[in-house]
Amino acid sequence: MNTNATKGTAVVTGASSGIGKVYARRLASRGHDLVLVARNKARLEELAGELVRETGRKVEVLPADLGNPADVARLVARVTDDAAISLLVNNAGVGTEGPVLGAEAARIDAMVQVNVVALSQLSVAAVNAFAARGGGTLINIASVVALMPENLLGAYSATKAYVLNLTQSLQNEFKDRPELRIQAVLPGLTRTEFFENSGLDFSHLPAEVFMAVDELVDGALAGLDLGEAITIPSLPDAGEWDGLAAARMALWPRLSLAHPAARYGLAVPA
């Protein structure tokens, strides 16, 4: 049993299965106490018991539905008020199956509530709390579909693009505060329950495009340790991401000008 001093408390949302569950295991093994957040209380309690036995860390179960604004507010208050919290993994997320055409608007709204609204409120609470405490780590789980909306029907990719953009904006705002670590993780296809729960079927895709969830989290944490702001665990050459980011920034001087581009053939006022 590990009796070393804690590295602080880590809050992990969506901790009952998949990526969140592995993050909980890895962070406990790294010396963090935990607050496990998800809807499934029984699963959380089972995981908590295992982690206490295996690591000796303090593990608290906090059942919550991040699609419920009251539950989100309760978790925001905990992140804000608990000085022991030094790390937040915003992992909870949901998806909707199929195209927007014919989709139920309520299902998309529910997805946005979890993937965008709850994550935003928790991210803002975390960075403000960590800034006041003199340090902390925010990890937001986005997705590679944030970069490839053409490869997935529906609004899910848009929610993950929001996660990426919000995280990058926070990184820029706090770039002169190195004690605050802010990371976006962009998983590709990962072997979890997510697809079944979302009604998505990728059984036609080859096995080599799916990453085991343990490897995904280990890669993401290795990226955090290396100081990566954006971690894409399956991308062989990080320079490719750097090139994409540089090309995007190179557009900036021409994105806001006084007149429409010449290709539109419009007369420019004298």
C-alpha atoms as a PDB file:
ATOM      1  CA  MET A   1       0.000   0.000   0.000  1.00  0.00           C
ATOM      2  CA  ASN A   2       1.260   3.454  -0.924  1.00  0.00           C
ATOM      3  CA  THR A   3       1.614   5.653   2.150  1.00  0.00           C
ATOM      4  CA  ASN A   4       3.442   8.532   0.434  1.00  0.00           C
ATOM      5  CA  ALA A   5       2.056  12.053   0.662  1.00  0.00           C
ATOM      6  CA  THR A   6      -0.556  12.854  -1.929  1.00  0.00           C
ATOM      7  CA  LYS A   7       0.204  14.925  -5.017  1.00  0.00           C
ATOM      8  CA  GLY A   8      -3.166  16.548  -4.527  1.00  0.00           C
ATOM      9  CA  THR A   9      -6.642  15.458  -5.490  1.00  0.00           C
ATOM     10  CA  ALA A  10      -7.527  14.694  -9.099  1.00  0.00           C
ATOM     11  CA  VAL A  11     -11.123  14.963 -10.291  1.00  0.00           C
ATOM     12  CA  VAL A  12     -11.943  12.627 -13.178  1.00  0.00           C
ATOM     13  CA  THR A  13     -15.282  12.914 -14.957  1.00  0.00           C
ATOM     14  CA  GLY A  14     -16.697   9.967 -16.836  1.00  0.00           C
ATOM     15  CA  ALA A  15     -14.643   7.780 -14.510  1.00  0.00           C
ATOM     16  CA  SER A  16     -16.867   4.699 -14.444  1.00  0.00           C
ATOM     17  CA  SER A  17     -15.532   3.197 -17.680  1.00  0.00           C
ATOM     18  CA  GLY A  18     -13.209   3.612 -20.641  1.00  0.00           C
ATOM     19  CA  ILE A  19     -10.744   6.483 -20.775  1.00  0.00           C
ATOM     20  CA  GLY A  20     -11.858   8.001 -17.478  1.00  0.00           C
ATOM     21  CA  LYS A  21     -11.479   4.724 -15.622  1.00  0.00           C
ATOM     22  CA  VAL A  22      -7.920   4.265 -16.882  1.00  0.00           C
ATOM     23  CA  TYR A  23      -7.053   7.869 -16.015  1.00  0.00           C
ATOM     24  CA  ALA A  24      -8.281   7.187 -12.486  1.00  0.00           C
ATOM     25  CA  ARG A  25      -6.037   4.129 -12.215  1.00  0.00           C
ATOM     26  CA  ARG A  26      -2.984   5.894 -13.600  1.00  0.00           C
ATOM     27  CA  LEU A  27      -3.398   9.025 -11.496  1.00  0.00           C
ATOM     28  CA  ALA A  28      -3.874   7.001  -8.317  1.00  0.00           C
ATOM     29  CA  SER A  29      -0.682   5.096  -9.120  1.00  0.00           C
ATOM     30  CA  ARG A  30       1.091   8.449  -9.596  1.00  0.00           C
ATOM     31  CA  GLY A  31       0.135   9.498  -6.066  1.00  0.00           C
ATOM     32  CA  HIS A  32      -3.083  11.461  -6.493  1.00  0.00           C
ATOM     33  CA  ASP A  33      -6.112  11.145  -4.289  1.00  0.00           C
ATOM     34  CA  LEU A  34      -9.249  11.005  -6.410  1.00  0.00           C
ATOM     35  CA  VAL A  35     -12.774  12.267  -6.814  1.00  0.00           C
ATOM     36  CA  LEU A  36     -14.513   9.955  -9.282  1.00  0.00           C
ATOM     37  CA  VAL A  37     -17.462  11.450 -11.164  1.00  0.00           C
ATOM     38  CA  ALA A  38     -20.010   9.623 -13.336  1.00  0.00           C
ATOM     39  CA  ARG A  39     -23.680   8.663 -13.376  1.00  0.00           C
ATOM     40  CA  ASN A  40     -23.164   5.005 -12.489  1.00  0.00           C
ATOM     41  CA  LYS A  41     -22.687   4.970  -8.713  1.00  0.00           C
ATOM     42  CA  ALA A  42     -22.222   1.200  -8.473  1.00  0.00           C
ATOM     43  CA  ARG A  43     -19.389   1.197 -10.988  1.00  0.00           C
ATOM     44  CA  LEU A  44     -17.729   4.141  -9.275  1.00  0.00           C
ATOM     45  CA  GLU A  45     -17.876   2.430  -5.901  1.00  0.00           C
ATOM     46  CA  GLU A  46     -16.409  -0.772  -7.333  1.00  0.00           C
ATOM     47  CA  LEU A  47     -13.537   1.150  -8.918  1.00  0.00           C
ATOM     48  CA  ALA A  48     -12.973   3.189  -5.765  1.00  0.00           C
ATOM     49  CA  GLY A  49     -12.685   0.049  -3.686  1.00  0.00           C
ATOM     50  CA  GLU A  50     -10.142  -1.427  -6.073  1.00  0.00           C
ATOM     51  CA  LEU A  51      -8.026   1.727  -6.109  1.00  0.00           C
ATOM     52  CA  VAL A  52      -8.012   2.079  -2.328  1.00  0.00           C
ATOM     53  CA  ARG A  53      -6.851  -1.535  -1.977  1.00  0.00           C
ATOM     54  CA  GLU A  54      -4.244  -1.292  -4.737  1.00  0.00           C
ATOM     55  CA  THR A  55      -2.780   2.159  -4.087  1.00  0.00           C
ATOM     56  CA  GLY A  56      -3.822   3.283  -0.611  1.00  0.00           C
ATOM     57  CA  ARG A  57      -4.986   6.609  -1.987  1.00  0.00           C
ATOM     58  CA  LYS A  58      -8.110   8.379  -0.761  1.00  0.00           C
ATOM     59  CA  VAL A  59     -10.884   7.888  -3.310  1.00  0.00           C
ATOM     60  CA  GLU A  60     -14.237   9.651  -3.141  1.00  0.00           C
ATOM     61  CA  VAL A  61     -17.240   8.751  -5.273  1.00  0.00           C
ATOM     62  CA  LEU A  62     -19.345  11.635  -6.546  1.00  0.00           C
ATOM     63  CA  PRO A  63     -22.289  10.395  -8.631  1.00  0.00           C
ATOM     64  CA  ALA A  64     -23.373  13.115 -11.052  1.00  0.00           C
ATOM     65  CA  ASP A  65     -25.063  13.533 -14.411  1.00  0.00           C
ATOM     66  CA  LEU A  66     -23.257  16.303 -16.268  1.00  0.00           C
ATOM     67  CA  GLY A  67     -26.291  16.660 -18.464  1.00  0.00           C
ATOM     68  CA  ASN A  68     -28.036  18.035 -15.374  1.00  0.00           C
ATOM     69  CA  PRO A  69     -27.144  21.699 -14.695  1.00  0.00           C
ATOM     70  CA  ALA A  70     -27.657  21.230 -10.955  1.00  0.00           C
ATOM     71  CA  ASP A  71     -25.122  18.400 -10.851  1.00  0.00           C
ATOM     72  CA  VAL A  72     -22.669  20.473 -12.897  1.00  0.00           C
ATOM     73  CA  ALA A  73     -23.074  23.393 -10.495  1.00  0.00           C
ATOM     74  CA  ARG A  74     -22.394  21.075  -7.562  1.00  0.00           C
ATOM     75  CA  LEU A  75     -19.177  19.838  -9.164  1.00  0.00           C
ATOM     76  CA  VAL A  76     -18.109  23.364 -10.139  1.00  0.00           C
ATOM     77  CA  ALA A  77     -18.508  24.390  -6.495  1.00  0.00           C
ATOM     78  CA  ARG A  78     -16.387  21.460  -5.384  1.00  0.00           C
ATOM     79  CA  VAL A  79     -13.574  22.321  -7.809  1.00  0.00           C
ATOM     80  CA  THR A  80     -13.761  25.965  -6.750  1.00  0.00           C
ATOM     81  CA  ASP A  81     -13.877  25.421  -2.998  1.00  0.00           C
ATOM     82  CA  ASP A  82     -11.697  22.351  -2.382  1.00  0.00           C
ATOM     83  CA  ALA A  83      -8.118  23.572  -2.054  1.00  0.00           C
ATOM     84  CA  ALA A  84      -6.808  20.002  -2.296  1.00  0.00           C
ATOM     85  CA  ILE A  85      -7.913  19.679  -5.925  1.00  0.00           C
ATOM     86  CA  SER A  86      -4.920  20.172  -8.197  1.00  0.00           C
ATOM     87  CA  LEU A  87      -5.948  18.310 -11.358  1.00  0.00           C
ATOM     88  CA  LEU A  88      -9.120  17.992 -13.415  1.00  0.00           C
ATOM     89  CA  VAL A  89      -9.666  15.543 -16.253  1.00  0.00           C
ATOM     90  CA  ASN A  90     -12.681  16.650 -18.298  1.00  0.00           C
ATOM     91  CA  ASN A  91     -13.365  13.291 -19.893  1.00  0.00           C
ATOM     92  CA  ALA A  92     -17.145  12.872 -19.680  1.00  0.00           C
ATOM     93  CA  GLY A  93     -18.737  13.018 -23.104  1.00  0.00           C
ATOM     94  CA  VAL A  94     -21.607  11.668 -25.147  1.00  0.00           C
ATOM     95  CA  GLY A  95     -22.288  11.259 -28.854  1.00  0.00           C
ATOM     96  CA  THR A  96     -25.267  10.975 -31.144  1.00  0.00           C
ATOM     97  CA  GLU A  97     -25.568   8.516 -33.963  1.00  0.00           C
ATOM     98  CA  GLY A  98     -26.112   9.380 -37.602  1.00  0.00           C
ATOM     99  CA  PRO A  99     -26.572  12.606 -39.569  1.00  0.00           C
ATOM    100  CA  VAL A 100     -28.216  15.805 -38.414  1.00  0.00           C
ATOM    101  CA  LEU A 101     -30.907  15.351 -41.080  1.00  0.00           C
ATOM    102  CA  GLY A 102     -33.797  13.749 -39.258  1.00  0.00           C
ATOM    103  CA  ALA A 103     -32.082  13.873 -35.873  1.00  0.00           C
ATOM    104  CA  GLU A 104     -33.929  14.784 -32.704  1.00  0.00           C
ATOM    105  CA  ALA A 105     -32.882  18.267 -31.663  1.00  0.00           C
ATOM    106  CA  ALA A 106     -33.226  17.274 -28.015  1.00  0.00           C
ATOM    107  CA  ARG A 107     -30.532  14.603 -28.410  1.00  0.00           C
ATOM    108  CA  ILE A 108     -28.127  17.128 -29.880  1.00  0.00           C
ATOM    109  CA  ASP A 109     -28.950  19.607 -27.118  1.00  0.00           C
ATOM    110  CA  ALA A 110     -28.242  16.928 -24.501  1.00  0.00           C
ATOM    111  CA  MET A 111     -24.886  16.188 -26.119  1.00  0.00           C
ATOM    112  CA  VAL A 112     -23.969  19.879 -26.193  1.00  0.00           C
ATOM    113  CA  GLN A 113     -24.896  20.199 -22.515  1.00  0.00           C
ATOM    114  CA  VAL A 114     -22.327  17.549 -21.539  1.00  0.00           C
ATOM    115  CA  ASN A 115     -19.614  18.023 -24.172  1.00  0.00           C
ATOM    116  CA  VAL A 116     -19.660  21.825 -24.302  1.00  0.00           C
ATOM    117  CA  VAL A 117     -21.594  23.506 -21.475  1.00  0.00           C
ATOM    118  CA  ALA A 118     -20.497  21.302 -18.575  1.00  0.00           C
ATOM    119  CA  LEU A 119     -16.912  21.110 -19.822  1.00  0.00           C
ATOM    120  CA  SER A 120     -16.775  24.889 -20.228  1.00  0.00           C
ATOM    121  CA  GLN A 121     -18.039  25.568 -16.735  1.00  0.00           C
ATOM    122  CA  LEU A 122     -15.658  23.061 -15.198  1.00  0.00           C
ATOM    123  CA  SER A 123     -12.680  24.324 -17.216  1.00  0.00           C
ATOM    124  CA  VAL A 124     -13.309  27.927 -16.219  1.00  0.00           C
ATOM    125  CA  ALA A 125     -13.746  26.950 -12.581  1.00  0.00           C
ATOM    126  CA  ALA A 126     -10.559  24.881 -12.649  1.00  0.00           C
ATOM    127  CA  VAL A 127      -8.223  27.448 -14.199  1.00  0.00           C
ATOM    128  CA  ASN A 128      -9.484  30.177 -11.888  1.00  0.00           C
ATOM    129  CA  ALA A 129      -9.110  27.952  -8.841  1.00  0.00           C
ATOM    130  CA  PHE A 130      -5.666  26.716  -9.896  1.00  0.00           C
ATOM    131  CA  ALA A 131      -4.480  30.248 -10.636  1.00  0.00           C
ATOM    132  CA  ALA A 132      -5.529  31.317  -7.141  1.00  0.00           C
ATOM    133  CA  ARG A 133      -3.845  28.258  -5.587  1.00  0.00           C
ATOM    134  CA  GLY A 134      -0.577  28.805  -7.437  1.00  0.00           C
ATOM    135  CA  GLY A 135      -0.750  25.791  -9.721  1.00  0.00           C
ATOM    136  CA  GLY A 136      -2.752  22.937 -11.156  1.00  0.00           C
ATOM    137  CA  THR A 137      -3.431  20.854 -14.240  1.00  0.00           C
ATOM    138  CA  LEU A 138      -6.415  20.830 -16.591  1.00  0.00           C
ATOM    139  CA  ILE A 139      -6.765  17.990 -19.088  1.00  0.00           C
ATOM    140  CA  ASN A 140      -9.572  18.277 -21.636  1.00  0.00           C
ATOM    141  CA  ILE A 141     -10.386  15.230 -23.730  1.00  0.00           C
ATOM    142  CA  ALA A 142     -11.261  16.327 -27.260  1.00  0.00           C
ATOM    143  CA  SER A 143     -11.022  14.051 -30.326  1.00  0.00           C
ATOM    144  CA  VAL A 144      -9.268  13.835 -33.673  1.00  0.00           C
ATOM    145  CA  VAL A 145     -12.670  14.447 -35.292  1.00  0.00           C
ATOM    146  CA  ALA A 146     -12.214  18.050 -34.150  1.00  0.00           C
ATOM    147  CA  LEU A 147      -9.759  18.205 -37.070  1.00  0.00           C
ATOM    148  CA  MET A 148     -11.741  16.026 -39.479  1.00  0.00           C
ATOM    149  CA  PRO A 149     -15.447  16.935 -39.377  1.00  0.00           C
ATOM    150  CA  GLU A 150     -15.855  15.407 -42.834  1.00  0.00           C
ATOM    151  CA  ASN A 151     -15.181  11.965 -41.367  1.00  0.00           C
ATOM    152  CA  LEU A 152     -18.126  11.827 -38.963  1.00  0.00           C
ATOM    153  CA  LEU A 153     -21.773  12.658 -39.473  1.00  0.00           C
ATOM    154  CA  GLY A 154     -23.688  14.798 -37.026  1.00  0.00           C
ATOM    155  CA  ALA A 155     -22.747  17.475 -34.532  1.00  0.00           C
ATOM    156  CA  TYR A 156     -20.353  15.457 -32.351  1.00  0.00           C
ATOM    157  CA  SER A 157     -17.240  16.674 -34.162  1.00  0.00           C
ATOM    158  CA  ALA A 158     -18.389  20.266 -33.651  1.00  0.00           C
ATOM    159  CA  THR A 159     -18.532  19.745 -29.892  1.00  0.00           C
ATOM    160  CA  LYS A 160     -15.006  18.366 -29.914  1.00  0.00           C
ATOM    161  CA  ALA A 161     -13.763  21.247 -32.052  1.00  0.00           C
ATOM    162  CA  TYR A 162     -15.140  23.508 -29.333  1.00  0.00           C
ATOM    163  CA  VAL A 163     -13.195  21.581 -26.685  1.00  0.00           C
ATOM    164  CA  LEU A 164      -9.989  21.988 -28.694  1.00  0.00           C
ATOM    165  CA  ASN A 165     -10.542  25.694 -29.346  1.00  0.00           C
ATOM    166  CA  LEU A 166     -11.458  26.460 -25.748  1.00  0.00           C
ATOM    167  CA  THR A 167      -8.382  24.633 -24.492  1.00  0.00           C
ATOM    168  CA  GLN A 168      -6.099  26.456 -26.914  1.00  0.00           C
ATOM    169  CA  SER A 169      -7.611  29.788 -25.884  1.00  0.00           C
ATOM    170  CA  LEU A 170      -6.978  28.979 -22.219  1.00  0.00           C
ATOM    171  CA  GLN A 171      -3.409  27.932 -23.041  1.00  0.00           C
ATOM    172  CA  ASN A 172      -2.817  31.278 -24.714  1.00  0.00           C
ATOM    173  CA  GLU A 173      -4.368  33.229 -21.856  1.00  0.00           C
ATOM    174  CA  PHE A 174      -2.182  31.485 -19.286  1.00  0.00           C
ATOM    175  CA  LYS A 175       0.974  31.136 -21.387  1.00  0.00           C
ATOM    176  CA  ASP A 176       2.908  33.231 -18.873  1.00  0.00           C
ATOM    177  CA  ARG A 177       1.775  31.072 -15.950  1.00  0.00           C
ATOM    178  CA  PRO A 178       3.905  27.907 -16.258  1.00  0.00           C
ATOM    179  CA  GLU A 179       2.571  26.590 -12.956  1.00  0.00           C
ATOM    180  CA  LEU A 180      -0.735  26.028 -14.761  1.00  0.00           C
ATOM    181  CA  ARG A 181      -0.630  23.067 -17.125  1.00  0.00           C
ATOM    182  CA  ILE A 182      -3.425  22.911 -19.688  1.00  0.00           C
ATOM    183  CA  GLN A 183      -3.557  20.030 -22.155  1.00  0.00           C
ATOM    184  CA  ALA A 184      -5.953  18.945 -24.874  1.00  0.00           C
ATOM    185  CA  VAL A 185      -5.906  15.243 -25.726  1.00  0.00           C
ATOM    186  CA  LEU A 186      -7.188  14.158 -29.130  1.00  0.00           C
ATOM    187  CA  PRO A 187      -7.885  10.422 -29.146  1.00  0.00           C
ATOM    188  CA  GLY A 188      -8.564   8.584 -32.347  1.00  0.00           C
ATOM    189  CA  LEU A 189     -10.760   5.497 -32.389  1.00  0.00           C
ATOM    190  CA  THR A 190     -10.350   3.873 -28.986  1.00  0.00           C
ATOM    191  CA  ARG A 191     -11.643   0.548 -27.714  1.00  0.00           C
ATOM    192  CA  THR A 192     -14.246   1.656 -25.174  1.00  0.00           C
ATOM    193  CA  GLU A 193     -18.002   1.431 -24.639  1.00  0.00           C
ATOM    194  CA  PHE A 194     -18.455   4.833 -26.254  1.00  0.00           C
ATOM    195  CA  PHE A 195     -19.513   3.604 -29.681  1.00  0.00           C
ATOM    196  CA  GLU A 196     -22.088   1.191 -28.333  1.00  0.00           C
ATOM    197  CA  ASN A 197     -23.507   3.849 -26.022  1.00  0.00           C
ATOM    198  CA  SER A 198     -23.650   6.360 -28.880  1.00  0.00           C
ATOM    199  CA  GLY A 199     -25.271   3.975 -31.356  1.00  0.00           C
ATOM    200  CA  LEU A 200     -22.281   4.180 -33.693  1.00  0.00           C
ATOM    201  CA  ASP A 201     -21.038   1.143 -35.624  1.00  0.00           C
ATOM    202  CA  PHE A 202     -17.438   1.070 -36.801  1.00  0.00           C
ATOM    203  CA  SER A 203     -17.198  -2.703 -37.145  1.00  0.00           C
ATOM    204  CA  HIS A 204     -16.354  -2.292 -40.836  1.00  0.00           C
ATOM    205  CA  LEU A 205     -13.076  -0.519 -40.028  1.00  0.00           C
ATOM    206  CA  PRO A 206      -9.767  -2.411 -39.768  1.00  0.00           C
ATOM    207  CA  ALA A 207      -8.468  -3.329 -36.330  1.00  0.00           C
ATOM    208  CA  GLU A 208      -5.290  -1.302 -36.785  1.00  0.00           C
ATOM    209  CA  VAL A 209      -7.138   2.025 -36.534  1.00  0.00           C
ATOM    210  CA  PHE A 210      -8.343   1.290 -32.981  1.00  0.00           C
ATOM    211  CA  MET A 211      -6.100   1.982 -29.984  1.00  0.00           C
ATOM    212  CA  ALA A 212      -6.380   0.134 -26.691  1.00  0.00           C
ATOM    213  CA  VAL A 213      -7.623   2.469 -23.986  1.00  0.00           C
ATOM    214  CA  ASP A 214      -4.660   1.762 -21.693  1.00  0.00           C
ATOM    215  CA  GLU A 215      -2.228   2.772 -24.435  1.00  0.00           C
ATOM    216  CA  LEU A 216      -4.263   5.883 -25.198  1.00  0.00           C
ATOM    217  CA  VAL A 217      -4.119   7.145 -21.623  1.00  0.00           C
ATOM    218  CA  ASP A 218      -0.469   6.205 -21.193  1.00  0.00           C
ATOM    219  CA  GLY A 219       0.358   8.139 -24.358  1.00  0.00           C
ATOM    220  CA  ALA A 220      -1.670  11.120 -23.196  1.00  0.00           C
ATOM    221  CA  LEU A 221       0.072  11.210 -19.814  1.00  0.00           C
ATOM    222  CA  ALA A 222       3.461  10.849 -21.495  1.00  0.00           C
ATOM    223  CA  GLY A 223       2.536  13.879 -23.589  1.00  0.00           C
ATOM    224  CA  LEU A 224       1.612  15.775 -20.437  1.00  0.00           C
ATOM    225  CA  ASP A 225       4.956  14.889 -18.888  1.00  0.00           C
ATOM    226  CA  LEU A 226       6.705  16.162 -22.035  1.00  0.00           C
ATOM    227  CA  GLY A 227       4.898  19.471 -21.757  1.00  0.00           C
ATOM    228  CA  GLU A 228       2.747  19.033 -24.856  1.00  0.00           C
ATOM    229  CA  ALA A 229      -0.147  21.447 -25.130  1.00  0.00           C
ATOM    230  CA  ILE A 230      -1.916  19.294 -27.725  1.00  0.00           C
ATOM    231  CA  THR A 231      -1.441  15.544 -27.525  1.00  0.00           C
ATOM    232  CA  ILE A 232      -2.499  13.252 -30.369  1.00  0.00           C
ATOM    233  CA  PRO A 233      -1.280   9.882 -29.094  1.00  0.00           C
ATOM    234  CA  SER A 234      -1.348   8.102 -32.460  1.00  0.00           C
ATOM    235  CA  LEU A 235       0.376  10.852 -34.492  1.00  0.00           C
ATOM    236  CA  PRO A 236       3.914   9.604 -35.276  1.00  0.00           C
ATOM    237  CA  ASP A 237       5.434  13.012 -36.044  1.00  0.00           C
ATOM    238  CA  ALA A 238       4.468  15.855 -33.717  1.00  0.00           C
ATOM    239  CA  GLY A 239       5.945  18.200 -36.315  1.00  0.00           C
ATOM    240  CA  GLU A 240       2.888  17.582 -38.478  1.00  0.00           C
ATOM    241  CA  TRP A 241       0.686  19.174 -35.832  1.00  0.00           C
ATOM    242  CA  ASP A 242       3.167  22.028 -35.461  1.00  0.00           C
ATOM    243  CA  GLY A 243       3.030  22.555 -39.223  1.00  0.00           C
ATOM    244  CA  LEU A 244      -0.754  22.667 -39.224  1.00  0.00           C
ATOM    245  CA  ALA A 245      -0.761  25.168 -36.367  1.00  0.00           C
ATOM    246  CA  ALA A 246       1.849  27.325 -38.120  1.00  0.00           C
ATOM    247  CA  ALA A 247      -0.117  27.316 -41.377  1.00  0.00           C
ATOM    248  CA  ARG A 248      -3.253  28.384 -39.535  1.00  0.00           C
ATOM    249  CA  MET A 249      -1.468  31.226 -37.767  1.00  0.00           C
ATOM    250  CA  ALA A 250       0.072  32.358 -41.066  1.00  0.00           C
ATOM    251  CA  LEU A 251      -3.459  33.122 -42.284  1.00  0.00           C
ATOM    252  CA  TRP A 252      -4.071  35.609 -39.493  1.00  0.00           C
ATOM    253  CA  PRO A 253      -2.785  38.813 -41.204  1.00  0.00           C
ATOM    254  CA  ARG A 254      -5.217  38.255 -44.078  1.00  0.00           C
ATOM    255  CA  LEU A 255      -8.321  37.111 -42.201  1.00  0.00           C
ATOM    256  CA  SER A 256      -9.608  40.570 -41.325  1.00  0.00           C
ATOM    257  CA  LEU A 257      -9.100  43.288 -43.947  1.00  0.00           C
ATOM    258  CA  ALA A 258     -10.982  46.412 -45.002  1.00  0.00           C
ATOM    259  CA  HIS A 259     -12.275  45.058 -48.328  1.00  0.00           C
ATOM    260  CA  PRO A 260     -13.377  41.751 -49.896  1.00  0.00           C
ATOM    261  CA  ALA A 261     -10.706  39.803 -51.784  1.00  0.00           C
ATOM    262  CA  ALA A 262     -10.118  40.677 -55.438  1.00  0.00           C
ATOM    263  CA  ARG A 263     -11.400  37.270 -56.593  1.00  0.00           C
ATOM    264  CA  TYR A 264     -14.962  38.408 -55.901  1.00  0.00           C
ATOM    265  CA  GLY A 265     -14.692  41.114 -58.564  1.00  0.00           C
ATOM    266  CA  LEU A 266     -16.210  43.808 -56.404  1.00  0.00           C
ATOM    267  CA  ALA A 267     -15.393  47.475 -56.788  1.00  0.00           C
ATOM    268  CA  VAL A 268     -13.228  48.795 -53.980  1.00  0.00           C
ATOM    269  CA  PRO A 269     -14.442  52.146 -52.620  1.00  0.00           C
ATOM    270  CA  ALA A 270     -12.116  55.024 -53.410  1.00  0.00           C
END
